[in-house]
């Protein structure tokens, strides 16, 4: 059973979906333009494995308040601070971090900097930042795939276009990119569109991208991650090529990569049965 609670942390009131009990926390971080709802298929599994699963609406998203409108509020260090504060608020003795898309970039940074001890790290469809920085410099194909990041640097226009016609662009982001489109029926798309149409939400969501470029998130040294790490990757990702996986082992001491053919960027929503089987086997081991 999934319930929703409010967790006060780092000056925010985070809306958090919760399943399971105990002091082993599985903290699930969503991406763009998602919400805590994106982990709906994994929450019961994690609870069944003995975790207390938390899936928060991250800063600027969904039911979490307040919703800052300035770019600086979405610097990576402030997003990492949110994760640390959520872990502290949980009182957990052991933490497994699961993350997708933008949440995964936060998770990579959190694990590399050892902000809090982690038992395990699960990353879905976002490369290690150092690998991505190398690929974006050398791959014209990846620069073409990442065109939207440059578009999001423009003022006001991205917000206007993403929310036009009842957030039709948000709906297309899921349904259009998905391989198995049946996984994104109207009731799912309606939920993400409604979140994007909240006052100030689209600006907040896009400000994650603006802050990443403005504050040069990739320009840093990356210490090796000691935490055992699983990467689950849908191979039909329209935004990120498979070359962004190459060389990850240089930054992660204990790494396993599971690639899923015929699955898009929205891997845990589009192929939940396959993803959950991988998760269960790896977490049990």
C-alpha atoms as a PDB file:
ATOM      1  CA  UNK A   1       0.000   0.000   0.000  1.00  0.00           C
ATOM      2  CA  UNK A   2       1.299   3.444  -0.959  1.00  0.00           C
ATOM      3  CA  UNK A   3       0.406   6.415   1.216  1.00  0.00           C
ATOM      4  CA  UNK A   4       1.441  10.058   0.954  1.00  0.00           C
ATOM      5  CA  UNK A   5       2.942  12.097   3.776  1.00  0.00           C
ATOM      6  CA  UNK A   6       4.635  15.454   4.209  1.00  0.00           C
ATOM      7  CA  UNK A   7       8.276  15.527   5.284  1.00  0.00           C
ATOM      8  CA  UNK A   8       9.799  18.824   6.398  1.00  0.00           C
ATOM      9  CA  UNK A   9      13.435  19.024   5.346  1.00  0.00           C
ATOM     10  CA  UNK A  10      15.889  21.761   4.316  1.00  0.00           C
ATOM     11  CA  UNK A  11      13.188  24.444   4.469  1.00  0.00           C
ATOM     12  CA  UNK A  12      10.737  22.555   2.241  1.00  0.00           C
ATOM     13  CA  UNK A  13       7.597  20.529   2.793  1.00  0.00           C
ATOM     14  CA  UNK A  14       8.228  17.507   0.608  1.00  0.00           C
ATOM     15  CA  UNK A  15       5.274  15.455  -0.592  1.00  0.00           C
ATOM     16  CA  UNK A  16       6.505  11.882  -0.196  1.00  0.00           C
ATOM     17  CA  UNK A  17       4.891   8.635  -1.287  1.00  0.00           C
ATOM     18  CA  UNK A  18       5.695   5.926   1.234  1.00  0.00           C
ATOM     19  CA  UNK A  19       5.445   2.135   1.244  1.00  0.00           C
ATOM     20  CA  UNK A  20       6.759  -0.292   3.824  1.00  0.00           C
ATOM     21  CA  UNK A  21       8.227   0.198   7.272  1.00  0.00           C
ATOM     22  CA  UNK A  22      11.505  -0.074   9.091  1.00  0.00           C
ATOM     23  CA  UNK A  23      14.858   1.657   9.231  1.00  0.00           C
ATOM     24  CA  UNK A  24      16.196   0.573   5.827  1.00  0.00           C
ATOM     25  CA  UNK A  25      15.333   3.454   3.514  1.00  0.00           C
ATOM     26  CA  UNK A  26      14.978   3.137  -0.253  1.00  0.00           C
ATOM     27  CA  UNK A  27      14.890   6.747  -1.453  1.00  0.00           C
ATOM     28  CA  UNK A  28      13.643   7.150  -5.039  1.00  0.00           C
ATOM     29  CA  UNK A  29      14.472  10.328  -6.979  1.00  0.00           C
ATOM     30  CA  UNK A  30      12.484  11.166 -10.108  1.00  0.00           C
ATOM     31  CA  UNK A  31      13.480  13.055 -13.242  1.00  0.00           C
ATOM     32  CA  UNK A  32      12.113  15.624 -15.686  1.00  0.00           C
ATOM     33  CA  UNK A  33       9.211  16.132 -16.276  1.00  0.00           C
ATOM     34  CA  UNK A  34       8.088  13.480 -13.804  1.00  0.00           C
ATOM     35  CA  UNK A  35       7.099  13.344 -10.132  1.00  0.00           C
ATOM     36  CA  UNK A  36       6.990  10.885  -7.266  1.00  0.00           C
ATOM     37  CA  UNK A  37       4.331   9.046  -9.295  1.00  0.00           C
ATOM     38  CA  UNK A  38       7.027   7.702 -11.637  1.00  0.00           C
ATOM     39  CA  UNK A  39       8.051   5.150  -8.968  1.00  0.00           C
ATOM     40  CA  UNK A  40       4.558   3.683  -8.520  1.00  0.00           C
ATOM     41  CA  UNK A  41       5.594   0.292  -9.936  1.00  0.00           C
ATOM     42  CA  UNK A  42       8.705  -0.047  -7.755  1.00  0.00           C
ATOM     43  CA  UNK A  43       7.321   1.054  -4.393  1.00  0.00           C
ATOM     44  CA  UNK A  44       5.434  -2.203  -3.593  1.00  0.00           C
ATOM     45  CA  UNK A  45       8.463  -4.275  -4.595  1.00  0.00           C
ATOM     46  CA  UNK A  46      10.776  -2.299  -2.337  1.00  0.00           C
ATOM     47  CA  UNK A  47       8.360  -2.569   0.566  1.00  0.00           C
ATOM     48  CA  UNK A  48       8.137  -6.314   0.007  1.00  0.00           C
ATOM     49  CA  UNK A  49      11.934  -6.545   0.177  1.00  0.00           C
ATOM     50  CA  UNK A  50      11.877  -5.004   3.643  1.00  0.00           C
ATOM     51  CA  UNK A  51      12.567  -1.369   2.782  1.00  0.00           C
ATOM     52  CA  UNK A  52      10.726   1.745   3.790  1.00  0.00           C
ATOM     53  CA  UNK A  53      10.396   3.228   0.303  1.00  0.00           C
ATOM     54  CA  UNK A  54      10.151   6.995  -0.077  1.00  0.00           C
ATOM     55  CA  UNK A  55       9.480   8.742  -3.386  1.00  0.00           C
ATOM     56  CA  UNK A  56       9.375  12.528  -2.937  1.00  0.00           C
ATOM     57  CA  UNK A  57       8.295  15.246  -5.312  1.00  0.00           C
ATOM     58  CA  UNK A  58      11.646  16.975  -5.663  1.00  0.00           C
ATOM     59  CA  UNK A  59      12.244  20.703  -5.273  1.00  0.00           C
ATOM     60  CA  UNK A  60       9.991  22.666  -7.644  1.00  0.00           C
ATOM     61  CA  UNK A  61       7.801  19.667  -8.525  1.00  0.00           C
ATOM     62  CA  UNK A  62       4.330  18.409  -7.713  1.00  0.00           C
ATOM     63  CA  UNK A  63       2.991  18.970  -4.218  1.00  0.00           C
ATOM     64  CA  UNK A  64       6.298  19.968  -2.640  1.00  0.00           C
ATOM     65  CA  UNK A  65       6.346  23.554  -1.376  1.00  0.00           C
ATOM     66  CA  UNK A  66       7.536  26.246  -1.611  1.00  0.00           C
ATOM     67  CA  UNK A  67       8.403  26.401  -5.308  1.00  0.00           C
ATOM     68  CA  UNK A  68      11.375  28.774  -5.834  1.00  0.00           C
ATOM     69  CA  UNK A  69      11.395  30.670  -9.120  1.00  0.00           C
ATOM     70  CA  UNK A  70      15.046  31.757  -9.236  1.00  0.00           C
ATOM     71  CA  UNK A  71      17.658  29.731 -11.112  1.00  0.00           C
ATOM     72  CA  UNK A  72      20.188  29.624  -8.274  1.00  0.00           C
ATOM     73  CA  UNK A  73      17.780  27.616  -6.102  1.00  0.00           C
ATOM     74  CA  UNK A  74      18.296  24.677  -8.469  1.00  0.00           C
ATOM     75  CA  UNK A  75      22.079  24.479  -8.273  1.00  0.00           C
ATOM     76  CA  UNK A  76      23.234  20.889  -7.911  1.00  0.00           C
ATOM     77  CA  UNK A  77      24.649  21.466  -4.417  1.00  0.00           C
ATOM     78  CA  UNK A  78      21.245  22.640  -3.196  1.00  0.00           C
ATOM     79  CA  UNK A  79      19.512  19.634  -4.736  1.00  0.00           C
ATOM     80  CA  UNK A  80      22.042  17.362  -3.065  1.00  0.00           C
ATOM     81  CA  UNK A  81      21.337  19.115   0.243  1.00  0.00           C
ATOM     82  CA  UNK A  82      17.659  18.210  -0.162  1.00  0.00           C
ATOM     83  CA  UNK A  83      18.540  14.522  -0.442  1.00  0.00           C
ATOM     84  CA  UNK A  84      20.729  14.691   2.653  1.00  0.00           C
ATOM     85  CA  UNK A  85      17.956  16.439   4.589  1.00  0.00           C
ATOM     86  CA  UNK A  86      15.387  13.833   3.536  1.00  0.00           C
ATOM     87  CA  UNK A  87      17.689  11.032   4.667  1.00  0.00           C
ATOM     88  CA  UNK A  88      18.246  12.775   8.000  1.00  0.00           C
ATOM     89  CA  UNK A  89      14.504  13.266   8.447  1.00  0.00           C
ATOM     90  CA  UNK A  90      13.878   9.572   7.813  1.00  0.00           C
ATOM     91  CA  UNK A  91      16.051   8.460  10.722  1.00  0.00           C
ATOM     92  CA  UNK A  92      17.120   5.448   8.670  1.00  0.00           C
ATOM     93  CA  UNK A  93      20.158   3.405   9.656  1.00  0.00           C
ATOM     94  CA  UNK A  94      20.751   2.232   6.081  1.00  0.00           C
ATOM     95  CA  UNK A  95      20.047   3.965   2.773  1.00  0.00           C
ATOM     96  CA  UNK A  96      19.711   2.697  -0.778  1.00  0.00           C
ATOM     97  CA  UNK A  97      19.375   5.452  -3.360  1.00  0.00           C
ATOM     98  CA  UNK A  98      17.427   4.806  -6.579  1.00  0.00           C
ATOM     99  CA  UNK A  99      17.257   7.523  -9.204  1.00  0.00           C
ATOM    100  CA  UNK A 100      16.199   8.232 -12.781  1.00  0.00           C
ATOM    101  CA  UNK A 101      17.014  11.046 -15.225  1.00  0.00           C
ATOM    102  CA  UNK A 102      17.653  14.345 -13.353  1.00  0.00           C
ATOM    103  CA  UNK A 103      17.281  12.541 -10.052  1.00  0.00           C
ATOM    104  CA  UNK A 104      20.131  10.307 -11.188  1.00  0.00           C
ATOM    105  CA  UNK A 105      22.434  13.270 -11.799  1.00  0.00           C
ATOM    106  CA  UNK A 106      21.751  14.353  -8.226  1.00  0.00           C
ATOM    107  CA  UNK A 107      22.362  10.780  -7.041  1.00  0.00           C
ATOM    108  CA  UNK A 108      25.679  10.485  -8.921  1.00  0.00           C
ATOM    109  CA  UNK A 109      26.856  13.702  -7.240  1.00  0.00           C
ATOM    110  CA  UNK A 110      25.578  12.630  -3.830  1.00  0.00           C
ATOM    111  CA  UNK A 111      27.378   9.279  -4.025  1.00  0.00           C
ATOM    112  CA  UNK A 112      30.630  10.703  -5.403  1.00  0.00           C
ATOM    113  CA  UNK A 113      30.812  13.315  -2.657  1.00  0.00           C
ATOM    114  CA  UNK A 114      29.837  10.788   0.052  1.00  0.00           C
ATOM    115  CA  UNK A 115      27.396  13.268   1.543  1.00  0.00           C
ATOM    116  CA  UNK A 116      25.805  10.469   3.574  1.00  0.00           C
ATOM    117  CA  UNK A 117      26.684   6.759   3.717  1.00  0.00           C
ATOM    118  CA  UNK A 118      24.921   4.679   1.065  1.00  0.00           C
ATOM    119  CA  UNK A 119      24.446   0.924   1.091  1.00  0.00           C
ATOM    120  CA  UNK A 120      23.663   0.695  -2.628  1.00  0.00           C
ATOM    121  CA  UNK A 121      23.087   3.004  -5.590  1.00  0.00           C
ATOM    122  CA  UNK A 122      20.715   2.372  -8.503  1.00  0.00           C
ATOM    123  CA  UNK A 123      20.904   4.637 -11.553  1.00  0.00           C
ATOM    124  CA  UNK A 124      18.419   4.577 -14.432  1.00  0.00           C
ATOM    125  CA  UNK A 125      19.095   6.153 -17.836  1.00  0.00           C
ATOM    126  CA  UNK A 126      21.495   8.917 -16.961  1.00  0.00           C
ATOM    127  CA  UNK A 127      25.257   8.590 -17.467  1.00  0.00           C
ATOM    128  CA  UNK A 128      27.929   9.477 -14.976  1.00  0.00           C
ATOM    129  CA  UNK A 129      28.471  13.255 -15.331  1.00  0.00           C
ATOM    130  CA  UNK A 130      32.160  12.897 -16.220  1.00  0.00           C
ATOM    131  CA  UNK A 131      31.371  10.417 -18.991  1.00  0.00           C
ATOM    132  CA  UNK A 132      28.610  12.636 -20.339  1.00  0.00           C
ATOM    133  CA  UNK A 133      30.921  15.666 -20.336  1.00  0.00           C
ATOM    134  CA  UNK A 134      33.422  13.751 -22.468  1.00  0.00           C
ATOM    135  CA  UNK A 135      30.778  12.468 -24.883  1.00  0.00           C
ATOM    136  CA  UNK A 136      29.079  15.839 -25.370  1.00  0.00           C
ATOM    137  CA  UNK A 137      32.465  17.314 -26.353  1.00  0.00           C
ATOM    138  CA  UNK A 138      33.275  14.589 -28.874  1.00  0.00           C
ATOM    139  CA  UNK A 139      29.954  13.329 -30.247  1.00  0.00           C
ATOM    140  CA  UNK A 140      27.946  15.424 -32.732  1.00  0.00           C
ATOM    141  CA  UNK A 141      25.156  12.836 -32.436  1.00  0.00           C
ATOM    142  CA  UNK A 142      24.854  13.382 -28.682  1.00  0.00           C
ATOM    143  CA  UNK A 143      24.940  17.150 -29.088  1.00  0.00           C
ATOM    144  CA  UNK A 144      22.035  16.807 -31.495  1.00  0.00           C
ATOM    145  CA  UNK A 145      20.130  14.627 -29.016  1.00  0.00           C
ATOM    146  CA  UNK A 146      20.711  17.234 -26.300  1.00  0.00           C
ATOM    147  CA  UNK A 147      19.333  20.170 -28.303  1.00  0.00           C
ATOM    148  CA  UNK A 148      16.582  20.784 -25.749  1.00  0.00           C
ATOM    149  CA  UNK A 149      19.127  21.713 -23.057  1.00  0.00           C
ATOM    150  CA  UNK A 150      20.172  24.732 -25.147  1.00  0.00           C
ATOM    151  CA  UNK A 151      16.537  25.569 -25.861  1.00  0.00           C
ATOM    152  CA  UNK A 152      15.760  25.546 -22.129  1.00  0.00           C
ATOM    153  CA  UNK A 153      18.314  28.323 -21.564  1.00  0.00           C
ATOM    154  CA  UNK A 154      16.014  30.832 -23.287  1.00  0.00           C
ATOM    155  CA  UNK A 155      13.833  33.008 -21.033  1.00  0.00           C
ATOM    156  CA  UNK A 156      10.039  32.386 -20.788  1.00  0.00           C
ATOM    157  CA  UNK A 157       9.673  30.762 -24.243  1.00  0.00           C
ATOM    158  CA  UNK A 158      10.306  27.163 -23.090  1.00  0.00           C
ATOM    159  CA  UNK A 159       7.716  27.532 -20.334  1.00  0.00           C
ATOM    160  CA  UNK A 160       5.203  28.901 -22.812  1.00  0.00           C
ATOM    161  CA  UNK A 161       5.768  26.118 -25.324  1.00  0.00           C
ATOM    162  CA  UNK A 162       5.806  23.282 -22.772  1.00  0.00           C
ATOM    163  CA  UNK A 163       2.493  24.339 -21.220  1.00  0.00           C
ATOM    164  CA  UNK A 164       0.620  25.286 -24.419  1.00  0.00           C
ATOM    165  CA  UNK A 165      -2.550  23.342 -25.255  1.00  0.00           C
ATOM    166  CA  UNK A 166      -2.879  21.810 -21.814  1.00  0.00           C
ATOM    167  CA  UNK A 167       0.810  20.883 -21.667  1.00  0.00           C
ATOM    168  CA  UNK A 168       0.713  18.915 -24.889  1.00  0.00           C
ATOM    169  CA  UNK A 169       4.536  18.933 -25.056  1.00  0.00           C
ATOM    170  CA  UNK A 170       4.692  17.215 -21.671  1.00  0.00           C
ATOM    171  CA  UNK A 171       2.320  14.526 -22.907  1.00  0.00           C
ATOM    172  CA  UNK A 172       4.429  14.054 -26.050  1.00  0.00           C
ATOM    173  CA  UNK A 173       7.602  13.757 -23.984  1.00  0.00           C
ATOM    174  CA  UNK A 174       6.286  10.505 -22.522  1.00  0.00           C
ATOM    175  CA  UNK A 175       4.005   9.065 -25.183  1.00  0.00           C
ATOM    176  CA  UNK A 176       6.148  10.163 -28.119  1.00  0.00           C
ATOM    177  CA  UNK A 177       9.438   8.825 -26.759  1.00  0.00           C
ATOM    178  CA  UNK A 178       8.023   5.566 -25.393  1.00  0.00           C
ATOM    179  CA  UNK A 179       8.401   2.348 -27.344  1.00  0.00           C
ATOM    180  CA  UNK A 180       5.487   0.667 -25.559  1.00  0.00           C
ATOM    181  CA  UNK A 181       3.010   3.531 -25.667  1.00  0.00           C
ATOM    182  CA  UNK A 182       0.362   1.501 -23.855  1.00  0.00           C
ATOM    183  CA  UNK A 183       2.305   2.211 -20.654  1.00  0.00           C
ATOM    184  CA  UNK A 184       1.337   5.879 -20.920  1.00  0.00           C
ATOM    185  CA  UNK A 185      -2.450   6.041 -21.177  1.00  0.00           C
ATOM    186  CA  UNK A 186      -4.327   9.294 -20.762  1.00  0.00           C
ATOM    187  CA  UNK A 187      -4.702   8.945 -17.001  1.00  0.00           C
ATOM    188  CA  UNK A 188      -0.906   8.821 -16.612  1.00  0.00           C
ATOM    189  CA  UNK A 189      -0.268  11.680 -19.051  1.00  0.00           C
ATOM    190  CA  UNK A 190      -2.996  13.770 -17.394  1.00  0.00           C
ATOM    191  CA  UNK A 191      -1.205  13.524 -14.082  1.00  0.00           C
ATOM    192  CA  UNK A 192       2.125  14.767 -15.428  1.00  0.00           C
ATOM    193  CA  UNK A 193       0.428  17.505 -17.456  1.00  0.00           C
ATOM    194  CA  UNK A 194      -1.477  18.715 -14.391  1.00  0.00           C
ATOM    195  CA  UNK A 195       1.761  18.964 -12.423  1.00  0.00           C
ATOM    196  CA  UNK A 196       3.378  21.029 -15.182  1.00  0.00           C
ATOM    197  CA  UNK A 197       0.402  23.395 -15.273  1.00  0.00           C
ATOM    198  CA  UNK A 198       0.611  24.321 -11.602  1.00  0.00           C
ATOM    199  CA  UNK A 199       1.535  27.989 -11.057  1.00  0.00           C
ATOM    200  CA  UNK A 200       5.291  28.387 -11.353  1.00  0.00           C
ATOM    201  CA  UNK A 201       5.919  24.662 -11.836  1.00  0.00           C
ATOM    202  CA  UNK A 202       7.193  24.691 -15.396  1.00  0.00           C
ATOM    203  CA  UNK A 203       9.656  27.457 -14.673  1.00  0.00           C
ATOM    204  CA  UNK A 204      10.926  25.592 -11.628  1.00  0.00           C
ATOM    205  CA  UNK A 205      11.323  22.368 -13.600  1.00  0.00           C
ATOM    206  CA  UNK A 206      13.222  24.052 -16.439  1.00  0.00           C
ATOM    207  CA  UNK A 207      15.379  25.971 -13.980  1.00  0.00           C
ATOM    208  CA  UNK A 208      17.104  22.676 -13.134  1.00  0.00           C
ATOM    209  CA  UNK A 209      18.559  22.804 -16.668  1.00  0.00           C
ATOM    210  CA  UNK A 210      19.342  26.509 -16.507  1.00  0.00           C
ATOM    211  CA  UNK A 211      21.225  26.093 -13.250  1.00  0.00           C
ATOM    212  CA  UNK A 212      23.218  23.150 -14.620  1.00  0.00           C
ATOM    213  CA  UNK A 213      24.502  25.267 -17.512  1.00  0.00           C
ATOM    214  CA  UNK A 214      24.881  28.521 -15.618  1.00  0.00           C
ATOM    215  CA  UNK A 215      26.810  26.948 -12.754  1.00  0.00           C
ATOM    216  CA  UNK A 216      28.745  24.446 -14.919  1.00  0.00           C
ATOM    217  CA  UNK A 217      27.828  21.266 -13.090  1.00  0.00           C
ATOM    218  CA  UNK A 218      30.274  19.216 -15.198  1.00  0.00           C
ATOM    219  CA  UNK A 219      33.366  21.334 -14.441  1.00  0.00           C
ATOM    220  CA  UNK A 220      34.728  19.485 -11.415  1.00  0.00           C
ATOM    221  CA  UNK A 221      36.816  16.518 -10.387  1.00  0.00           C
ATOM    222  CA  UNK A 222      34.917  13.284  -9.777  1.00  0.00           C
ATOM    223  CA  UNK A 223      36.214  10.957  -7.061  1.00  0.00           C
ATOM    224  CA  UNK A 224      35.588   7.258  -7.558  1.00  0.00           C
ATOM    225  CA  UNK A 225      32.325   5.941  -6.123  1.00  0.00           C
ATOM    226  CA  UNK A 226      32.840   3.089  -3.656  1.00  0.00           C
ATOM    227  CA  UNK A 227      29.136   2.282  -3.236  1.00  0.00           C
ATOM    228  CA  UNK A 228      27.992  -0.848  -5.126  1.00  0.00           C
ATOM    229  CA  UNK A 229      26.165   0.552  -8.149  1.00  0.00           C
ATOM    230  CA  UNK A 230      23.599  -0.849 -10.573  1.00  0.00           C
ATOM    231  CA  UNK A 231      22.780   0.932 -13.830  1.00  0.00           C
ATOM    232  CA  UNK A 232      19.522  -0.024 -15.575  1.00  0.00           C
ATOM    233  CA  UNK A 233      19.366   1.385 -19.098  1.00  0.00           C
ATOM    234  CA  UNK A 234      16.619   1.385 -21.701  1.00  0.00           C
ATOM    235  CA  UNK A 235      18.512   1.100 -24.986  1.00  0.00           C
ATOM    236  CA  UNK A 236      15.969   3.072 -27.044  1.00  0.00           C
ATOM    237  CA  UNK A 237      16.673   6.310 -25.198  1.00  0.00           C
ATOM    238  CA  UNK A 238      16.071   9.153 -27.657  1.00  0.00           C
ATOM    239  CA  UNK A 239      17.943  11.681 -25.487  1.00  0.00           C
ATOM    240  CA  UNK A 240      21.039   9.709 -24.482  1.00  0.00           C
ATOM    241  CA  UNK A 241      23.107   7.428 -26.685  1.00  0.00           C
ATOM    242  CA  UNK A 242      24.619   4.162 -25.525  1.00  0.00           C
ATOM    243  CA  UNK A 243      28.074   5.718 -25.873  1.00  0.00           C
ATOM    244  CA  UNK A 244      27.341   7.658 -22.683  1.00  0.00           C
ATOM    245  CA  UNK A 245      27.724   4.375 -20.769  1.00  0.00           C
ATOM    246  CA  UNK A 246      31.241   3.715 -22.071  1.00  0.00           C
ATOM    247  CA  UNK A 247      33.939   4.348 -19.490  1.00  0.00           C
ATOM    248  CA  UNK A 248      31.666   4.439 -16.441  1.00  0.00           C
ATOM    249  CA  UNK A 249      33.798   1.796 -14.739  1.00  0.00           C
ATOM    250  CA  UNK A 250      36.588   4.363 -14.371  1.00  0.00           C
ATOM    251  CA  UNK A 251      34.416   6.238 -11.864  1.00  0.00           C
ATOM    252  CA  UNK A 252      32.663   3.360 -10.048  1.00  0.00           C
ATOM    253  CA  UNK A 253      34.553   0.635  -8.192  1.00  0.00           C
ATOM    254  CA  UNK A 254      31.729  -1.916  -8.042  1.00  0.00           C
ATOM    255  CA  UNK A 255      29.530  -1.596 -11.129  1.00  0.00           C
ATOM    256  CA  UNK A 256      26.874  -3.686 -12.828  1.00  0.00           C
ATOM    257  CA  UNK A 257      25.092  -2.531 -15.987  1.00  0.00           C
ATOM    258  CA  UNK A 258      21.796  -4.044 -17.198  1.00  0.00           C
ATOM    259  CA  UNK A 259      20.706  -2.926 -20.664  1.00  0.00           C
ATOM    260  CA  UNK A 260      17.106  -3.409 -21.769  1.00  0.00           C
ATOM    261  CA  UNK A 261      16.596  -3.621 -25.553  1.00  0.00           C
ATOM    262  CA  UNK A 262      13.382  -2.171 -26.914  1.00  0.00           C
ATOM    263  CA  UNK A 263      12.810   0.105 -23.918  1.00  0.00           C
ATOM    264  CA  UNK A 264      12.894   3.908 -23.939  1.00  0.00           C
ATOM    265  CA  UNK A 265      14.288   6.501 -21.542  1.00  0.00           C
ATOM    266  CA  UNK A 266      11.259   5.987 -19.251  1.00  0.00           C
ATOM    267  CA  UNK A 267      12.622   2.615 -18.267  1.00  0.00           C
ATOM    268  CA  UNK A 268      11.060   1.960 -14.844  1.00  0.00           C
ATOM    269  CA  UNK A 269       7.616   3.036 -16.065  1.00  0.00           C
ATOM    270  CA  UNK A 270       7.731   1.394 -19.479  1.00  0.00           C
ATOM    271  CA  UNK A 271       9.206  -1.967 -18.448  1.00  0.00           C
ATOM    272  CA  UNK A 272       8.382  -2.286 -14.746  1.00  0.00           C
ATOM    273  CA  UNK A 273       8.293  -6.094 -14.732  1.00  0.00           C
ATOM    274  CA  UNK A 274      11.788  -6.376 -16.232  1.00  0.00           C
ATOM    275  CA  UNK A 275      13.173  -3.548 -14.131  1.00  0.00           C
ATOM    276  CA  UNK A 276      11.688  -4.967 -10.939  1.00  0.00           C
ATOM    277  CA  UNK A 277      13.133  -8.419 -11.629  1.00  0.00           C
ATOM    278  CA  UNK A 278      16.584  -6.871 -12.046  1.00  0.00           C
ATOM    279  CA  UNK A 279      16.136  -4.780  -8.906  1.00  0.00           C
ATOM    280  CA  UNK A 280      14.984  -7.698  -6.802  1.00  0.00           C
ATOM    281  CA  UNK A 281      17.865  -9.922  -7.834  1.00  0.00           C
ATOM    282  CA  UNK A 282      20.504  -7.248  -7.325  1.00  0.00           C
ATOM    283  CA  UNK A 283      19.154  -5.884  -4.049  1.00  0.00           C
ATOM    284  CA  UNK A 284      18.848  -9.379  -2.599  1.00  0.00           C
ATOM    285  CA  UNK A 285      22.431 -10.149  -3.559  1.00  0.00           C
END
